[in-house]
Amino acid sequence: MTDLDATTRTELEAAAFRRLVAHLQARTDVQNIALMNLAGFCRNCLSNWLLDAARERDVPMTKDESREAVYGMPYEEWKARHQSEATPEQKAAFPGPGPH
């Protein structure tokens, strides 16, 4: 990817980000704690990274807006519809929040 111009690289990265978000929105069966335990990041991390990028560029965005962009609906609604209680094993394996 080093031979790409900056615009093309940004477009490809943006497309990959959108595909990742769409994938996570479709896979509501995959809980955030499972993502954290396996990959070291979750939907909340991704929404925080989006918010950080907006703030770095002085783009107005709230935490709720960044979460809705990642979850595809208000966060509280997603939790009510899709979030289940973590198992004792998942809780024991949870390393804590990842770097933001």
N, C-alpha and C. Protein backbone atom coordinates (compact mmCIF):
# COMPACT_ATOMS: atom_id res chain seq x y z
N MET A 1 0.82 -1.20 0.00
CA MET A 1 0.00 0.00 0.00
C MET A 1 0.86 1.26 0.00
N THR A 2 2.15 1.11 0.04
CA THR A 2 3.00 2.30 0.08
C THR A 2 3.01 3.04 -1.26
N ASP A 3 2.62 2.36 -2.35
CA ASP A 3 2.62 3.01 -3.65
C ASP A 3 1.34 3.80 -3.93
N LEU A 4 0.38 3.76 -3.01
CA LEU A 4 -0.89 4.46 -3.21
C LEU A 4 -0.76 5.93 -2.86
N ASP A 5 -1.50 6.74 -3.58
CA ASP A 5 -1.56 8.15 -3.19
C ASP A 5 -2.43 8.26 -1.94
N ALA A 6 -2.31 9.36 -1.23
CA ALA A 6 -2.98 9.54 0.06
C ALA A 6 -4.49 9.44 -0.06
N THR A 7 -5.06 9.99 -1.12
CA THR A 7 -6.51 9.96 -1.29
C THR A 7 -7.01 8.53 -1.48
N THR A 8 -6.34 7.77 -2.33
CA THR A 8 -6.74 6.38 -2.57
C THR A 8 -6.59 5.56 -1.30
N ARG A 9 -5.50 5.74 -0.60
CA ARG A 9 -5.29 5.01 0.66
C ARG A 9 -6.41 5.33 1.66
N THR A 10 -6.75 6.60 1.79
CA THR A 10 -7.84 7.00 2.70
C THR A 10 -9.16 6.39 2.28
N GLU A 11 -9.43 6.38 0.98
CA GLU A 11 -10.68 5.79 0.48
C GLU A 11 -10.74 4.29 0.78
N LEU A 12 -9.64 3.58 0.60
CA LEU A 12 -9.59 2.15 0.89
C LEU A 12 -9.76 1.89 2.39
N GLU A 13 -9.08 2.67 3.19
CA GLU A 13 -9.21 2.51 4.64
C GLU A 13 -10.63 2.81 5.10
N ALA A 14 -11.24 3.84 4.54
CA ALA A 14 -12.63 4.18 4.89
C ALA A 14 -13.58 3.06 4.48
N ALA A 15 -13.36 2.47 3.31
CA ALA A 15 -14.20 1.36 2.86
C ALA A 15 -14.05 0.16 3.79
N ALA A 16 -12.83 -0.12 4.22
CA ALA A 16 -12.60 -1.23 5.14
C ALA A 16 -13.26 -0.96 6.49
N PHE A 17 -13.18 0.27 6.97
CA PHE A 17 -13.84 0.66 8.21
C PHE A 17 -15.35 0.46 8.11
N ARG A 18 -15.94 0.93 7.01
CA ARG A 18 -17.39 0.77 6.83
C ARG A 18 -17.78 -0.70 6.79
N ARG A 19 -16.96 -1.52 6.16
CA ARG A 19 -17.25 -2.96 6.10
C ARG A 19 -17.13 -3.60 7.48
N LEU A 20 -16.14 -3.21 8.24
CA LEU A 20 -16.00 -3.72 9.61
C LEU A 20 -17.22 -3.33 10.45
N VAL A 21 -17.63 -2.08 10.36
CA VAL A 21 -18.80 -1.62 11.12
C VAL A 21 -20.05 -2.39 10.69
N ALA A 22 -20.25 -2.57 9.40
CA ALA A 22 -21.41 -3.32 8.91
C ALA A 22 -21.36 -4.76 9.42
N HIS A 23 -20.18 -5.35 9.41
CA HIS A 23 -20.02 -6.72 9.90
C HIS A 23 -20.39 -6.81 11.38
N LEU A 24 -19.89 -5.87 12.19
CA LEU A 24 -20.20 -5.88 13.62
C LEU A 24 -21.68 -5.61 13.87
N GLN A 25 -22.30 -4.78 13.05
CA GLN A 25 -23.74 -4.52 13.20
C GLN A 25 -24.55 -5.77 12.88
N ALA A 26 -24.09 -6.55 11.92
CA ALA A 26 -24.79 -7.78 11.54
C ALA A 26 -24.56 -8.91 12.54
N ARG A 27 -23.43 -8.89 13.21
CA ARG A 27 -23.07 -9.97 14.14
C ARG A 27 -23.40 -9.59 15.58
N THR A 28 -24.69 -9.33 15.82
CA THR A 28 -25.13 -8.95 17.16
C THR A 28 -24.97 -10.10 18.15
N ASP A 29 -24.77 -11.32 17.65
CA ASP A 29 -24.55 -12.46 18.53
C ASP A 29 -23.17 -12.42 19.18
N VAL A 30 -22.26 -11.67 18.62
CA VAL A 30 -20.91 -11.56 19.17
C VAL A 30 -20.90 -10.43 20.19
N GLN A 31 -20.67 -10.80 21.43
CA GLN A 31 -20.69 -9.84 22.52
C GLN A 31 -19.38 -9.06 22.59
N ASN A 32 -19.46 -7.83 23.11
CA ASN A 32 -18.27 -6.99 23.24
C ASN A 32 -17.19 -7.65 24.10
N ILE A 33 -17.58 -8.30 25.17
CA ILE A 33 -16.57 -8.92 26.03
C ILE A 33 -15.83 -10.02 25.29
N ALA A 34 -16.53 -10.74 24.40
CA ALA A 34 -15.85 -11.76 23.60
C ALA A 34 -14.86 -11.11 22.65
N LEU A 35 -15.25 -10.00 22.04
CA LEU A 35 -14.32 -9.27 21.17
C LEU A 35 -13.10 -8.80 21.96
N MET A 36 -13.34 -8.24 23.14
CA MET A 36 -12.22 -7.75 23.96
C MET A 36 -11.28 -8.89 24.35
N ASN A 37 -11.87 -10.01 24.75
CA ASN A 37 -11.04 -11.14 25.19
C ASN A 37 -10.24 -11.74 24.04
N LEU A 38 -10.80 -11.73 22.83
CA LEU A 38 -10.11 -12.33 21.69
C LEU A 38 -9.25 -11.34 20.91
N ALA A 39 -9.75 -10.12 20.74
CA ALA A 39 -9.07 -9.19 19.84
C ALA A 39 -8.50 -7.96 20.54
N GLY A 40 -8.89 -7.73 21.77
CA GLY A 40 -8.37 -6.57 22.49
C GLY A 40 -9.06 -5.27 22.15
N PHE A 41 -10.19 -5.35 21.43
CA PHE A 41 -11.00 -4.17 21.16
C PHE A 41 -12.44 -4.63 20.95
N CYS A 42 -13.36 -3.67 21.06
CA CYS A 42 -14.78 -4.00 20.87
C CYS A 42 -15.47 -2.83 20.18
N ARG A 43 -16.78 -2.92 20.08
CA ARG A 43 -17.55 -1.85 19.44
C ARG A 43 -17.36 -0.52 20.16
N ASN A 44 -17.29 -0.55 21.49
CA ASN A 44 -17.09 0.68 22.24
C ASN A 44 -15.74 1.31 21.91
N CYS A 45 -14.71 0.48 21.81
CA CYS A 45 -13.39 0.99 21.44
C CYS A 45 -13.45 1.65 20.07
N LEU A 46 -14.08 0.97 19.12
CA LEU A 46 -14.19 1.50 17.76
C LEU A 46 -14.93 2.84 17.77
N SER A 47 -16.00 2.93 18.54
CA SER A 47 -16.73 4.20 18.60
C SER A 47 -15.89 5.29 19.27
N ASN A 48 -15.08 4.91 20.26
CA ASN A 48 -14.19 5.89 20.89
C ASN A 48 -13.11 6.37 19.92
N TRP A 49 -12.60 5.47 19.09
CA TRP A 49 -11.59 5.85 18.09
C TRP A 49 -12.20 6.80 17.07
N LEU A 50 -13.43 6.54 16.69
CA LEU A 50 -14.13 7.44 15.76
C LEU A 50 -14.30 8.81 16.40
N LEU A 51 -14.69 8.85 17.65
CA LEU A 51 -14.84 10.11 18.37
C LEU A 51 -13.51 10.83 18.49
N ASP A 52 -12.46 10.12 18.80
CA ASP A 52 -11.12 10.72 18.88
C ASP A 52 -10.73 11.36 17.54
N ALA A 53 -10.99 10.64 16.44
CA ALA A 53 -10.66 11.17 15.11
C ALA A 53 -11.46 12.43 14.82
N ALA A 54 -12.72 12.44 15.20
CA ALA A 54 -13.54 13.63 14.99
C ALA A 54 -12.98 14.81 15.79
N ARG A 55 -12.65 14.57 17.03
CA ARG A 55 -12.13 15.65 17.88
C ARG A 55 -10.79 16.18 17.36
N GLU A 56 -9.94 15.28 16.86
CA GLU A 56 -8.64 15.70 16.31
C GLU A 56 -8.82 16.63 15.12
N ARG A 57 -9.94 16.49 14.44
CA ARG A 57 -10.22 17.30 13.24
C ARG A 57 -11.25 18.39 13.50
N ASP A 58 -11.55 18.64 14.77
CA ASP A 58 -12.54 19.64 15.16
C ASP A 58 -13.90 19.42 14.51
N VAL A 59 -14.27 18.15 14.35
CA VAL A 59 -15.58 17.80 13.81
C VAL A 59 -16.50 17.57 15.00
N PRO A 60 -17.61 18.29 15.07
CA PRO A 60 -18.50 18.09 16.21
C PRO A 60 -19.12 16.69 16.20
N MET A 61 -18.95 15.99 17.30
CA MET A 61 -19.54 14.66 17.45
C MET A 61 -19.60 14.36 18.93
N THR A 62 -20.70 13.76 19.37
CA THR A 62 -20.84 13.35 20.75
C THR A 62 -20.52 11.86 20.88
N LYS A 63 -20.32 11.43 22.11
CA LYS A 63 -20.09 10.01 22.37
C LYS A 63 -21.29 9.20 21.91
N ASP A 64 -22.49 9.70 22.17
CA ASP A 64 -23.69 9.00 21.72
C ASP A 64 -23.74 8.87 20.21
N GLU A 65 -23.35 9.92 19.49
CA GLU A 65 -23.34 9.88 18.03
C GLU A 65 -22.30 8.89 17.50
N SER A 66 -21.14 8.85 18.12
CA SER A 66 -20.11 7.91 17.66
C SER A 66 -20.55 6.47 17.93
N ARG A 67 -21.20 6.25 19.05
CA ARG A 67 -21.69 4.89 19.34
C ARG A 67 -22.80 4.49 18.38
N GLU A 68 -23.69 5.41 18.09
CA GLU A 68 -24.77 5.09 17.14
C GLU A 68 -24.21 4.79 15.76
N ALA A 69 -23.14 5.49 15.37
CA ALA A 69 -22.51 5.23 14.07
C ALA A 69 -21.96 3.80 14.01
N VAL A 70 -21.44 3.30 15.13
CA VAL A 70 -20.86 1.96 15.16
C VAL A 70 -21.93 0.89 15.40
N TYR A 71 -22.83 1.15 16.32
CA TYR A 71 -23.85 0.15 16.67
C TYR A 71 -25.01 0.11 15.68
N GLY A 72 -25.23 1.19 14.94
CA GLY A 72 -26.34 1.23 13.99
C GLY A 72 -27.66 1.59 14.64
N MET A 73 -27.61 1.95 15.90
CA MET A 73 -28.79 2.35 16.67
C MET A 73 -28.28 2.96 17.97
N PRO A 74 -29.13 3.63 18.72
CA PRO A 74 -28.67 4.14 20.01
C PRO A 74 -28.10 3.00 20.88
N TYR A 75 -27.04 3.30 21.58
CA TYR A 75 -26.33 2.29 22.38
C TYR A 75 -27.25 1.59 23.37
N GLU A 76 -28.07 2.34 24.08
CA GLU A 76 -28.97 1.73 25.06
C GLU A 76 -29.95 0.76 24.40
N GLU A 77 -30.40 1.09 23.20
CA GLU A 77 -31.28 0.20 22.47
C GLU A 77 -30.55 -1.08 22.08
N TRP A 78 -29.31 -0.95 21.61
CA TRP A 78 -28.52 -2.13 21.24
C TRP A 78 -28.33 -3.03 22.45
N LYS A 79 -27.99 -2.43 23.59
CA LYS A 79 -27.78 -3.23 24.80
C LYS A 79 -29.06 -3.98 25.18
N ALA A 80 -30.19 -3.30 25.14
CA ALA A 80 -31.46 -3.93 25.50
C ALA A 80 -31.81 -5.07 24.55
N ARG A 81 -31.51 -4.90 23.27
CA ARG A 81 -31.85 -5.92 22.28
C ARG A 81 -30.86 -7.09 22.22
N HIS A 82 -29.58 -6.78 22.39
CA HIS A 82 -28.56 -7.77 22.02
C HIS A 82 -27.55 -8.15 23.10
N GLN A 83 -27.39 -7.35 24.12
CA GLN A 83 -26.33 -7.64 25.09
C GLN A 83 -26.82 -8.64 26.12
N SER A 84 -26.02 -9.67 26.33
CA SER A 84 -26.33 -10.65 27.36
C SER A 84 -25.29 -10.54 28.48
N GLU A 85 -25.60 -11.14 29.59
CA GLU A 85 -24.69 -11.13 30.73
C GLU A 85 -23.44 -11.94 30.38
N ALA A 86 -22.30 -11.40 30.71
CA ALA A 86 -21.04 -12.12 30.48
C ALA A 86 -20.98 -13.34 31.40
N THR A 87 -20.39 -14.38 30.88
CA THR A 87 -20.23 -15.59 31.68
C THR A 87 -19.11 -15.37 32.71
N PRO A 88 -19.10 -16.16 33.77
CA PRO A 88 -17.98 -16.04 34.73
C PRO A 88 -16.62 -16.23 34.05
N GLU A 89 -16.56 -17.14 33.07
CA GLU A 89 -15.30 -17.37 32.36
C GLU A 89 -14.88 -16.13 31.56
N GLN A 90 -15.85 -15.49 30.90
CA GLN A 90 -15.54 -14.28 30.14
C GLN A 90 -15.07 -13.16 31.08
N LYS A 91 -15.75 -13.03 32.19
CA LYS A 91 -15.35 -11.99 33.16
C LYS A 91 -13.95 -12.25 33.70
N ALA A 92 -13.64 -13.50 33.98
CA ALA A 92 -12.31 -13.84 34.51
C ALA A 92 -11.22 -13.59 33.48
N ALA A 93 -11.53 -13.80 32.20
CA ALA A 93 -10.53 -13.62 31.14
C ALA A 93 -10.39 -12.16 30.71
N PHE A 94 -11.33 -11.30 31.11
CA PHE A 94 -11.34 -9.91 30.64
C PHE A 94 -10.13 -9.17 31.20
N PRO A 95 -9.29 -8.65 30.29
CA PRO A 95 -8.08 -7.96 30.74
C PRO A 95 -8.32 -6.53 31.18
N GLY A 96 -9.52 -6.04 31.00
CA GLY A 96 -9.85 -4.65 31.28
C GLY A 96 -9.91 -3.88 30.00
N PRO A 97 -10.34 -2.63 30.09
CA PRO A 97 -10.48 -1.82 28.86
C PRO A 97 -9.15 -1.71 28.13
N GLY A 98 -9.25 -1.75 26.81
CA GLY A 98 -8.06 -1.61 25.98
C GLY A 98 -7.67 -0.14 25.83
N PRO A 99 -6.54 0.11 25.22
CA PRO A 99 -6.11 1.49 25.00
C PRO A 99 -7.05 2.18 24.02
N HIS A 100 -7.27 3.42 24.22
CA HIS A 100 -8.20 4.17 23.34
C HIS A 100 -7.40 5.04 22.45
